[in-house]
Amino acid sequence: MDFNKTVENKREFEIWLNKFNNQEIEANITGKITCICDFTYSLIELYRCYHCGLWLCPVCAKKHFGKRQKGTYTFKNYIKEKKNEKN
């Protein structure tokens, strides 16, 4: 995505970058992070997105990552698939 194409995208990127920087500073100083919903959590309660780098509380993480579909792909399913491939 090219963030500089529109003013809205550039502004959104600046907000994201500001949040990201603030979270990193908070984590280093206090060990607690303010989620994008403005509540503060300890690090072990949060999820970090591998794509954008933001730390998210469980509620925001659901929104950010999307709902899981029924019959989700779990580690158990992965092991079953690998066993079936060998046979």
PDB file of N, CA and C in Angstrom:
ATOM      1  N   MET A   1       0.840  -1.180   0.000  1.00  0.00           N
ATOM      2  CA  MET A   1       0.000   0.000   0.000  1.00  0.00           C
ATOM      3  C   MET A   1       0.885   1.243   0.000  1.00  0.00           C
ATOM      4  N   ASP A   2       0.570   2.179  -0.853  1.00  0.00           N
ATOM      5  CA  ASP A   2       1.316   3.423  -0.907  1.00  0.00           C
ATOM      6  C   ASP A   2       0.628   4.448  -0.013  1.00  0.00           C
ATOM      7  N   PHE A   3       1.235   4.746   1.125  1.00  0.00           N
ATOM      8  CA  PHE A   3       0.609   5.636   2.089  1.00  0.00           C
ATOM      9  C   PHE A   3       0.606   7.096   1.648  1.00  0.00           C
ATOM     10  N   ASN A   4       1.396   7.424   0.663  1.00  0.00           N
ATOM     11  CA  ASN A   4       1.484   8.816   0.250  1.00  0.00           C
ATOM     12  C   ASN A   4       0.532   9.174  -0.883  1.00  0.00           C
ATOM     13  N   LYS A   5      -0.280   8.212  -1.342  1.00  0.00           N
ATOM     14  CA  LYS A   5      -1.176   8.499  -2.457  1.00  0.00           C
ATOM     15  C   LYS A   5      -2.252   9.507  -2.090  1.00  0.00           C
ATOM     16  N   THR A   6      -2.857   9.343  -0.926  1.00  0.00           N
ATOM     17  CA  THR A   6      -3.908  10.276  -0.519  1.00  0.00           C
ATOM     18  C   THR A   6      -3.576  10.878   0.836  1.00  0.00           C
ATOM     19  N   VAL A   7      -4.172  11.976   1.120  1.00  0.00           N
ATOM     20  CA  VAL A   7      -3.945  12.661   2.394  1.00  0.00           C
ATOM     21  C   VAL A   7      -4.437  11.789   3.547  1.00  0.00           C
ATOM     22  N   GLU A   8      -5.590  11.113   3.347  1.00  0.00           N
ATOM     23  CA  GLU A   8      -6.159  10.281   4.399  1.00  0.00           C
ATOM     24  C   GLU A   8      -5.200   9.146   4.763  1.00  0.00           C
ATOM     25  N   ASN A   9      -4.638   8.495   3.750  1.00  0.00           N
ATOM     26  CA  ASN A   9      -3.713   7.396   4.003  1.00  0.00           C
ATOM     27  C   ASN A   9      -2.453   7.881   4.700  1.00  0.00           C
ATOM     28  N   LYS A  10      -1.959   9.028   4.301  1.00  0.00           N
ATOM     29  CA  LYS A  10      -0.752   9.565   4.921  1.00  0.00           C
ATOM     30  C   LYS A  10      -1.011   9.894   6.384  1.00  0.00           C
ATOM     31  N   ARG A  11      -2.156  10.481   6.663  1.00  0.00           N
ATOM     32  CA  ARG A  11      -2.527  10.827   8.046  1.00  0.00           C
ATOM     33  C   ARG A  11      -2.704   9.556   8.878  1.00  0.00           C
ATOM     34  N   GLU A  12      -3.346   8.540   8.312  1.00  0.00           N
ATOM     35  CA  GLU A  12      -3.539   7.269   9.006  1.00  0.00           C
ATOM     36  C   GLU A  12      -2.192   6.619   9.324  1.00  0.00           C
ATOM     37  N   PHE A  13      -1.273   6.689   8.382  1.00  0.00           N
ATOM     38  CA  PHE A  13       0.057   6.133   8.595  1.00  0.00           C
ATOM     39  C   PHE A  13       0.791   6.878   9.704  1.00  0.00           C
ATOM     40  N   GLU A  14       0.672   8.193   9.733  1.00  0.00           N
ATOM     41  CA  GLU A  14       1.318   8.982  10.779  1.00  0.00           C
ATOM     42  C   GLU A  14       0.766   8.637  12.158  1.00  0.00           C
ATOM     43  N   ILE A  15      -0.548   8.428  12.248  1.00  0.00           N
ATOM     44  CA  ILE A  15      -1.177   8.043  13.513  1.00  0.00           C
ATOM     45  C   ILE A  15      -0.652   6.678  13.947  1.00  0.00           C
ATOM     46  N   TRP A  16      -0.607   5.731  13.011  1.00  0.00           N
ATOM     47  CA  TRP A  16      -0.104   4.389  13.316  1.00  0.00           C
ATOM     48  C   TRP A  16       1.346   4.450  13.790  1.00  0.00           C
ATOM     49  N   LEU A  17       2.171   5.209  13.086  1.00  0.00           N
ATOM     50  CA  LEU A  17       3.580   5.315  13.429  1.00  0.00           C
ATOM     51  C   LEU A  17       3.766   5.926  14.814  1.00  0.00           C
ATOM     52  N   ASN A  18       2.970   6.920  15.135  1.00  0.00           N
ATOM     53  CA  ASN A  18       3.013   7.557  16.443  1.00  0.00           C
ATOM     54  C   ASN A  18       2.642   6.564  17.538  1.00  0.00           C
ATOM     55  N   LYS A  19       1.555   5.805  17.321  1.00  0.00           N
ATOM     56  CA  LYS A  19       1.138   4.783  18.289  1.00  0.00           C
ATOM     57  C   LYS A  19       2.233   3.748  18.487  1.00  0.00           C
ATOM     58  N   PHE A  20       2.796   3.282  17.379  1.00  0.00           N
ATOM     59  CA  PHE A  20       3.843   2.269  17.422  1.00  0.00           C
ATOM     60  C   PHE A  20       5.040   2.753  18.239  1.00  0.00           C
ATOM     61  N   ASN A  21       5.490   3.966  17.969  1.00  0.00           N
ATOM     62  CA  ASN A  21       6.633   4.535  18.697  1.00  0.00           C
ATOM     63  C   ASN A  21       6.329   4.701  20.183  1.00  0.00           C
ATOM     64  N   ASN A  22       5.122   5.172  20.496  1.00  0.00           N
ATOM     65  CA  ASN A  22       4.736   5.347  21.891  1.00  0.00           C
ATOM     66  C   ASN A  22       4.707   4.018  22.627  1.00  0.00           C
ATOM     67  N   GLN A  23       4.210   2.970  21.957  1.00  0.00           N
ATOM     68  CA  GLN A  23       4.151   1.657  22.589  1.00  0.00           C
ATOM     69  C   GLN A  23       5.548   1.126  22.885  1.00  0.00           C
ATOM     70  N   GLU A  24       6.466   1.318  21.964  1.00  0.00           N
ATOM     71  CA  GLU A  24       7.836   0.844  22.177  1.00  0.00           C
ATOM     72  C   GLU A  24       8.491   1.566  23.353  1.00  0.00           C
ATOM     73  N   ILE A  25       8.286   2.858  23.446  1.00  0.00           N
ATOM     74  CA  ILE A  25       8.857   3.644  24.550  1.00  0.00           C
ATOM     75  C   ILE A  25       8.255   3.192  25.872  1.00  0.00           C
ATOM     76  N   GLU A  26       6.924   3.025  25.908  1.00  0.00           N
ATOM     77  CA  GLU A  26       6.246   2.582  27.129  1.00  0.00           C
ATOM     78  C   GLU A  26       6.753   1.229  27.593  1.00  0.00           C
ATOM     79  N   ALA A  27       6.896   0.299  26.646  1.00  0.00           N
ATOM     80  CA  ALA A  27       7.336  -1.058  26.975  1.00  0.00           C
ATOM     81  C   ALA A  27       8.726  -1.042  27.590  1.00  0.00           C
ATOM     82  N   ASN A  28       9.589  -0.229  27.073  1.00  0.00           N
ATOM     83  CA  ASN A  28      10.959  -0.160  27.584  1.00  0.00           C
ATOM     84  C   ASN A  28      11.042   0.501  28.962  1.00  0.00           C
ATOM     85  N   ILE A  29      10.179   1.453  29.215  1.00  0.00           N
ATOM     86  CA  ILE A  29      10.246   2.197  30.479  1.00  0.00           C
ATOM     87  C   ILE A  29       9.463   1.503  31.596  1.00  0.00           C
ATOM     88  N   THR A  30       8.205   1.141  31.327  1.00  0.00           N
ATOM     89  CA  THR A  30       7.320   0.662  32.397  1.00  0.00           C
ATOM     90  C   THR A  30       6.986  -0.820  32.325  1.00  0.00           C
ATOM     91  N   GLY A  31       7.157  -1.444  31.178  1.00  0.00           N
ATOM     92  CA  GLY A  31       6.743  -2.837  31.030  1.00  0.00           C
ATOM     93  C   GLY A  31       5.257  -2.969  30.792  1.00  0.00           C
ATOM     94  N   LYS A  32       4.573  -1.854  30.695  1.00  0.00           N
ATOM     95  CA  LYS A  32       3.136  -1.842  30.387  1.00  0.00           C
ATOM     96  C   LYS A  32       2.935  -1.051  29.110  1.00  0.00           C
ATOM     97  N   ILE A  33       1.876  -1.401  28.396  1.00  0.00           N
ATOM     98  CA  ILE A  33       1.621  -0.756  27.111  1.00  0.00           C
ATOM     99  C   ILE A  33       0.176  -0.310  27.036  1.00  0.00           C
ATOM    100  N   THR A  34      -0.048   0.848  26.435  1.00  0.00           N
ATOM    101  CA  THR A  34      -1.392   1.332  26.174  1.00  0.00           C
ATOM    102  C   THR A  34      -1.830   0.828  24.812  1.00  0.00           C
ATOM    103  N   CYS A  35      -2.903   0.086  24.811  1.00  0.00           N
ATOM    104  CA  CYS A  35      -3.458  -0.467  23.569  1.00  0.00           C
ATOM    105  C   CYS A  35      -4.054   0.672  22.734  1.00  0.00           C
ATOM    106  N   ILE A  36      -4.439   0.360  21.511  1.00  0.00           N
ATOM    107  CA  ILE A  36      -5.051   1.381  20.661  1.00  0.00           C
ATOM    108  C   ILE A  36      -6.409   1.834  21.191  1.00  0.00           C
ATOM    109  N   CYS A  37      -6.987   1.067  22.131  1.00  0.00           N
ATOM    110  CA  CYS A  37      -8.261   1.452  22.753  1.00  0.00           C
ATOM    111  C   CYS A  37      -8.037   2.350  23.968  1.00  0.00           C
ATOM    112  N   ASP A  38      -6.783   2.705  24.240  1.00  0.00           N
ATOM    113  CA  ASP A  38      -6.367   3.598  25.329  1.00  0.00           C
ATOM    114  C   ASP A  38      -6.446   3.001  26.725  1.00  0.00           C
ATOM    115  N   PHE A  39      -6.521   1.668  26.847  1.00  0.00           N
ATOM    116  CA  PHE A  39      -6.404   1.010  28.139  1.00  0.00           C
ATOM    117  C   PHE A  39      -4.985   0.475  28.266  1.00  0.00           C
ATOM    118  N   THR A  40      -4.463   0.470  29.489  1.00  0.00           N
ATOM    119  CA  THR A  40      -3.089   0.028  29.722  1.00  0.00           C
ATOM    120  C   THR A  40      -3.080  -1.416  30.228  1.00  0.00           C
ATOM    121  N   TYR A  41      -2.188  -2.216  29.658  1.00  0.00           N
ATOM    122  CA  TYR A  41      -2.073  -3.638  30.006  1.00  0.00           C
ATOM    123  C   TYR A  41      -0.606  -3.980  30.219  1.00  0.00           C
ATOM    124  N   SER A  42      -0.387  -5.070  30.966  1.00  0.00           N
ATOM    125  CA  SER A  42       0.977  -5.584  31.051  1.00  0.00           C
ATOM    126  C   SER A  42       1.257  -6.369  29.779  1.00  0.00           C
ATOM    127  N   LEU A  43       2.525  -6.554  29.468  1.00  0.00           N
ATOM    128  CA  LEU A  43       2.919  -7.182  28.207  1.00  0.00           C
ATOM    129  C   LEU A  43       2.355  -8.588  28.017  1.00  0.00           C
ATOM    130  N   ILE A  44       2.264  -9.367  29.098  1.00  0.00           N
ATOM    131  CA  ILE A  44       1.816 -10.751  28.936  1.00  0.00           C
ATOM    132  C   ILE A  44       0.333 -10.858  28.592  1.00  0.00           C
ATOM    133  N   GLU A  45      -0.416  -9.771  28.708  1.00  0.00           N
ATOM    134  CA  GLU A  45      -1.842  -9.785  28.375  1.00  0.00           C
ATOM    135  C   GLU A  45      -2.110  -9.386  26.926  1.00  0.00           C
ATOM    136  N   LEU A  46      -1.077  -9.002  26.214  1.00  0.00           N
ATOM    137  CA  LEU A  46      -1.266  -8.442  24.877  1.00  0.00           C
ATOM    138  C   LEU A  46      -0.798  -9.374  23.767  1.00  0.00           C
ATOM    139  N   TYR A  47      -1.293  -9.096  22.565  1.00  0.00           N
ATOM    140  CA  TYR A  47      -0.876  -9.791  21.349  1.00  0.00           C
ATOM    141  C   TYR A  47      -0.156  -8.784  20.465  1.00  0.00           C
ATOM    142  N   ARG A  48       0.846  -9.239  19.750  1.00  0.00           N
ATOM    143  CA  ARG A  48       1.549  -8.341  18.835  1.00  0.00           C
ATOM    144  C   ARG A  48       1.339  -8.810  17.409  1.00  0.00           C
ATOM    145  N   CYS A  49       0.955  -7.889  16.553  1.00  0.00           N
ATOM    146  CA  CYS A  49       0.737  -8.208  15.145  1.00  0.00           C
ATOM    147  C   CYS A  49       2.092  -8.287  14.451  1.00  0.00           C
ATOM    148  N   TYR A  50       2.338  -9.405  13.757  1.00  0.00           N
ATOM    149  CA  TYR A  50       3.599  -9.567  13.030  1.00  0.00           C
ATOM    150  C   TYR A  50       3.690  -8.635  11.828  1.00  0.00           C
ATOM    151  N   HIS A  51       2.547  -8.223  11.308  1.00  0.00           N
ATOM    152  CA  HIS A  51       2.546  -7.395  10.101  1.00  0.00           C
ATOM    153  C   HIS A  51       2.756  -5.918  10.395  1.00  0.00           C
ATOM    154  N   CYS A  52       2.000  -5.393  11.373  1.00  0.00           N
ATOM    155  CA  CYS A  52       2.115  -3.951  11.629  1.00  0.00           C
ATOM    156  C   CYS A  52       2.900  -3.614  12.887  1.00  0.00           C
ATOM    157  N   GLY A  53       3.120  -4.597  13.769  1.00  0.00           N
ATOM    158  CA  GLY A  53       3.944  -4.366  14.947  1.00  0.00           C
ATOM    159  C   GLY A  53       3.233  -3.796  16.151  1.00  0.00           C
ATOM    160  N   LEU A  54       1.943  -3.537  16.064  1.00  0.00           N
ATOM    161  CA  LEU A  54       1.220  -2.970  17.196  1.00  0.00           C
ATOM    162  C   LEU A  54       0.917  -4.034  18.240  1.00  0.00           C
ATOM    163  N   TRP A  55       0.909  -3.615  19.504  1.00  0.00           N
ATOM    164  CA  TRP A  55       0.483  -4.468  20.598  1.00  0.00           C
ATOM    165  C   TRP A  55      -1.004  -4.242  20.784  1.00  0.00           C
ATOM    166  N   LEU A  56      -1.768  -5.335  20.930  1.00  0.00           N
ATOM    167  CA  LEU A  56      -3.221  -5.243  21.003  1.00  0.00           C
ATOM    168  C   LEU A  56      -3.763  -6.057  22.169  1.00  0.00           C
ATOM    169  N   CYS A  57      -4.784  -5.516  22.850  1.00  0.00           N
ATOM    170  CA  CYS A  57      -5.462  -6.267  23.902  1.00  0.00           C
ATOM    171  C   CYS A  57      -6.334  -7.338  23.237  1.00  0.00           C
ATOM    172  N   PRO A  58      -6.855  -8.301  23.998  1.00  0.00           N
ATOM    173  CA  PRO A  58      -7.657  -9.363  23.386  1.00  0.00           C
ATOM    174  C   PRO A  58      -8.850  -8.854  22.580  1.00  0.00           C
ATOM    175  N   VAL A  59      -9.511  -7.817  23.046  1.00  0.00           N
ATOM    176  CA  VAL A  59     -10.683  -7.287  22.333  1.00  0.00           C
ATOM    177  C   VAL A  59     -10.263  -6.645  21.009  1.00  0.00           C
ATOM    178  N   CYS A  60      -9.248  -5.810  21.055  1.00  0.00           N
ATOM    179  CA  CYS A  60      -8.767  -5.155  19.832  1.00  0.00           C
ATOM    180  C   CYS A  60      -8.131  -6.161  18.877  1.00  0.00           C
ATOM    181  N   ALA A  61      -7.499  -7.197  19.438  1.00  0.00           N
ATOM    182  CA  ALA A  61      -6.881  -8.216  18.595  1.00  0.00           C
ATOM    183  C   ALA A  61      -7.928  -8.941  17.763  1.00  0.00           C
ATOM    184  N   LYS A  62      -9.082  -9.235  18.362  1.00  0.00           N
ATOM    185  CA  LYS A  62     -10.161  -9.884  17.609  1.00  0.00           C
ATOM    186  C   LYS A  62     -10.586  -9.027  16.430  1.00  0.00           C
ATOM    187  N   LYS A  63     -10.719  -7.753  16.668  1.00  0.00           N
ATOM    188  CA  LYS A  63     -11.114  -6.837  15.585  1.00  0.00           C
ATOM    189  C   LYS A  63     -10.013  -6.737  14.538  1.00  0.00           C
ATOM    190  N   HIS A  64      -8.770  -6.657  15.000  1.00  0.00           N
ATOM    191  CA  HIS A  64      -7.637  -6.457  14.103  1.00  0.00           C
ATOM    192  C   HIS A  64      -7.384  -7.681  13.220  1.00  0.00           C
ATOM    193  N   PHE A  65      -7.428  -8.865  13.830  1.00  0.00           N
ATOM    194  CA  PHE A  65      -7.129 -10.092  13.091  1.00  0.00           C
ATOM    195  C   PHE A  65      -8.353 -10.684  12.415  1.00  0.00           C
ATOM    196  N   GLY A  66      -9.539 -10.268  12.804  1.00  0.00           N
ATOM    197  CA  GLY A  66     -10.762 -10.817  12.236  1.00  0.00           C
ATOM    198  C   GLY A  66     -11.226 -12.030  13.015  1.00  0.00           C
ATOM    199  N   LYS A  67     -12.486 -12.387  12.804  1.00  0.00           N
ATOM    200  CA  LYS A  67     -13.051 -13.541  13.505  1.00  0.00           C
ATOM    201  C   LYS A  67     -12.519 -14.820  12.913  1.00  0.00           C
ATOM    202  N   ARG A  68     -12.351 -15.807  13.770  1.00  0.00           N
ATOM    203  CA  ARG A  68     -11.914 -17.119  13.302  1.00  0.00           C
ATOM    204  C   ARG A  68     -13.116 -17.860  12.741  1.00  0.00           C
ATOM    205  N   GLN A  69     -12.884 -18.595  11.702  1.00  0.00           N
ATOM    206  CA  GLN A  69     -13.954 -19.372  11.100  1.00  0.00           C
ATOM    207  C   GLN A  69     -14.129 -20.666  11.865  1.00  0.00           C
ATOM    208  N   LYS A  70     -15.334 -21.251  11.738  1.00  0.00           N
ATOM    209  CA  LYS A  70     -15.560 -22.554  12.363  1.00  0.00           C
ATOM    210  C   LYS A  70     -14.653 -23.563  11.689  1.00  0.00           C
ATOM    211  N   GLY A  71     -14.264 -24.556  12.455  1.00  0.00           N
ATOM    212  CA  GLY A  71     -13.340 -25.537  11.908  1.00  0.00           C
ATOM    213  C   GLY A  71     -11.977 -24.914  11.687  1.00  0.00           C
ATOM    214  N   THR A  72     -11.553 -24.132  12.645  1.00  0.00           N
ATOM    215  CA  THR A  72     -10.299 -23.391  12.495  1.00  0.00           C
ATOM    216  C   THR A  72      -9.112 -24.328  12.351  1.00  0.00           C
ATOM    217  N   TYR A  73      -8.106 -23.815  11.778  1.00  0.00           N
ATOM    218  CA  TYR A  73      -6.879 -24.565  11.560  1.00  0.00           C
ATOM    219  C   TYR A  73      -6.062 -24.521  12.835  1.00  0.00           C
ATOM    220  N   THR A  74      -5.946 -25.648  13.497  1.00  0.00           N
ATOM    221  CA  THR A  74      -5.212 -25.713  14.756  1.00  0.00           C
ATOM    222  C   THR A  74      -3.956 -26.549  14.580  1.00  0.00           C
ATOM    223  N   PHE A  75      -3.145 -26.561  15.605  1.00  0.00           N
ATOM    224  CA  PHE A  75      -1.933 -27.359  15.577  1.00  0.00           C
ATOM    225  C   PHE A  75      -2.272 -28.845  15.472  1.00  0.00           C
ATOM    226  N   LYS A  76      -3.361 -29.250  16.145  1.00  0.00           N
ATOM    227  CA  LYS A  76      -3.814 -30.644  16.066  1.00  0.00           C
ATOM    228  C   LYS A  76      -4.115 -31.039  14.623  1.00  0.00           C
ATOM    229  N   ASN A  77      -4.814 -30.156  13.922  1.00  0.00           N
ATOM    230  CA  ASN A  77      -5.144 -30.427  12.516  1.00  0.00           C
ATOM    231  C   ASN A  77      -3.882 -30.519  11.666  1.00  0.00           C
ATOM    232  N   TYR A  78      -2.915 -29.683  11.975  1.00  0.00           N
ATOM    233  CA  TYR A  78      -1.651 -29.695  11.245  1.00  0.00           C
ATOM    234  C   TYR A  78      -0.946 -31.044  11.413  1.00  0.00           C
ATOM    235  N   ILE A  79      -0.903 -31.546  12.648  1.00  0.00           N
ATOM    236  CA  ILE A  79      -0.268 -32.833  12.922  1.00  0.00           C
ATOM    237  C   ILE A  79      -0.990 -33.959  12.173  1.00  0.00           C
ATOM    238  N   LYS A  80      -2.319 -33.921  12.187  1.00  0.00           N
ATOM    239  CA  LYS A  80      -3.096 -34.932  11.465  1.00  0.00           C
ATOM    240  C   LYS A  80      -2.776 -34.920   9.978  1.00  0.00           C
ATOM    241  N   GLU A  81      -2.681 -33.726   9.401  1.00  0.00           N
ATOM    242  CA  GLU A  81      -2.368 -33.598   7.982  1.00  0.00           C
ATOM    243  C   GLU A  81      -0.989 -34.179   7.664  1.00  0.00           C
ATOM    244  N   LYS A  82      -0.031 -33.883   8.517  1.00  0.00           N
ATOM    245  CA  LYS A  82       1.331 -34.385   8.306  1.00  0.00           C
ATOM    246  C   LYS A  82       1.375 -35.905   8.393  1.00  0.00           C
ATOM    247  N   LYS A  83       0.624 -36.487   9.335  1.00  0.00           N
ATOM    248  CA  LYS A  83       0.559 -37.939   9.455  1.00  0.00           C
ATOM    249  C   LYS A  83      -0.072 -38.560   8.209  1.00  0.00           C
ATOM    250  N   ASN A  84      -1.126 -37.912   7.710  1.00  0.00           N
ATOM    251  CA  ASN A  84      -1.804 -38.416   6.508  1.00  0.00           C
ATOM    252  C   ASN A  84      -0.906 -38.339   5.286  1.00  0.00           C
ATOM    253  N   GLU A  85      -0.068 -37.315   5.204  1.00  0.00           N
ATOM    254  CA  GLU A  85       0.848 -37.174   4.075  1.00  0.00           C
ATOM    255  C   GLU A  85       1.867 -38.304   4.042  1.00  0.00           C
ATOM    256  N   LYS A  86       2.290 -38.755   5.221  1.00  0.00           N
ATOM    257  CA  LYS A  86       3.275 -39.838   5.291  1.00  0.00           C
ATOM    258  C   LYS A  86       2.685 -41.163   4.843  1.00  0.00           C
ATOM    259  N   ASN A  87       1.392 -41.347   5.061  1.00  0.00           N
ATOM    260  CA  ASN A  87       0.728 -42.623   4.698  1.00  0.00           C
ATOM    261  C   ASN A  87       0.397 -42.688   3.267  1.00  0.00           C
TER     262      ASN A  87
END
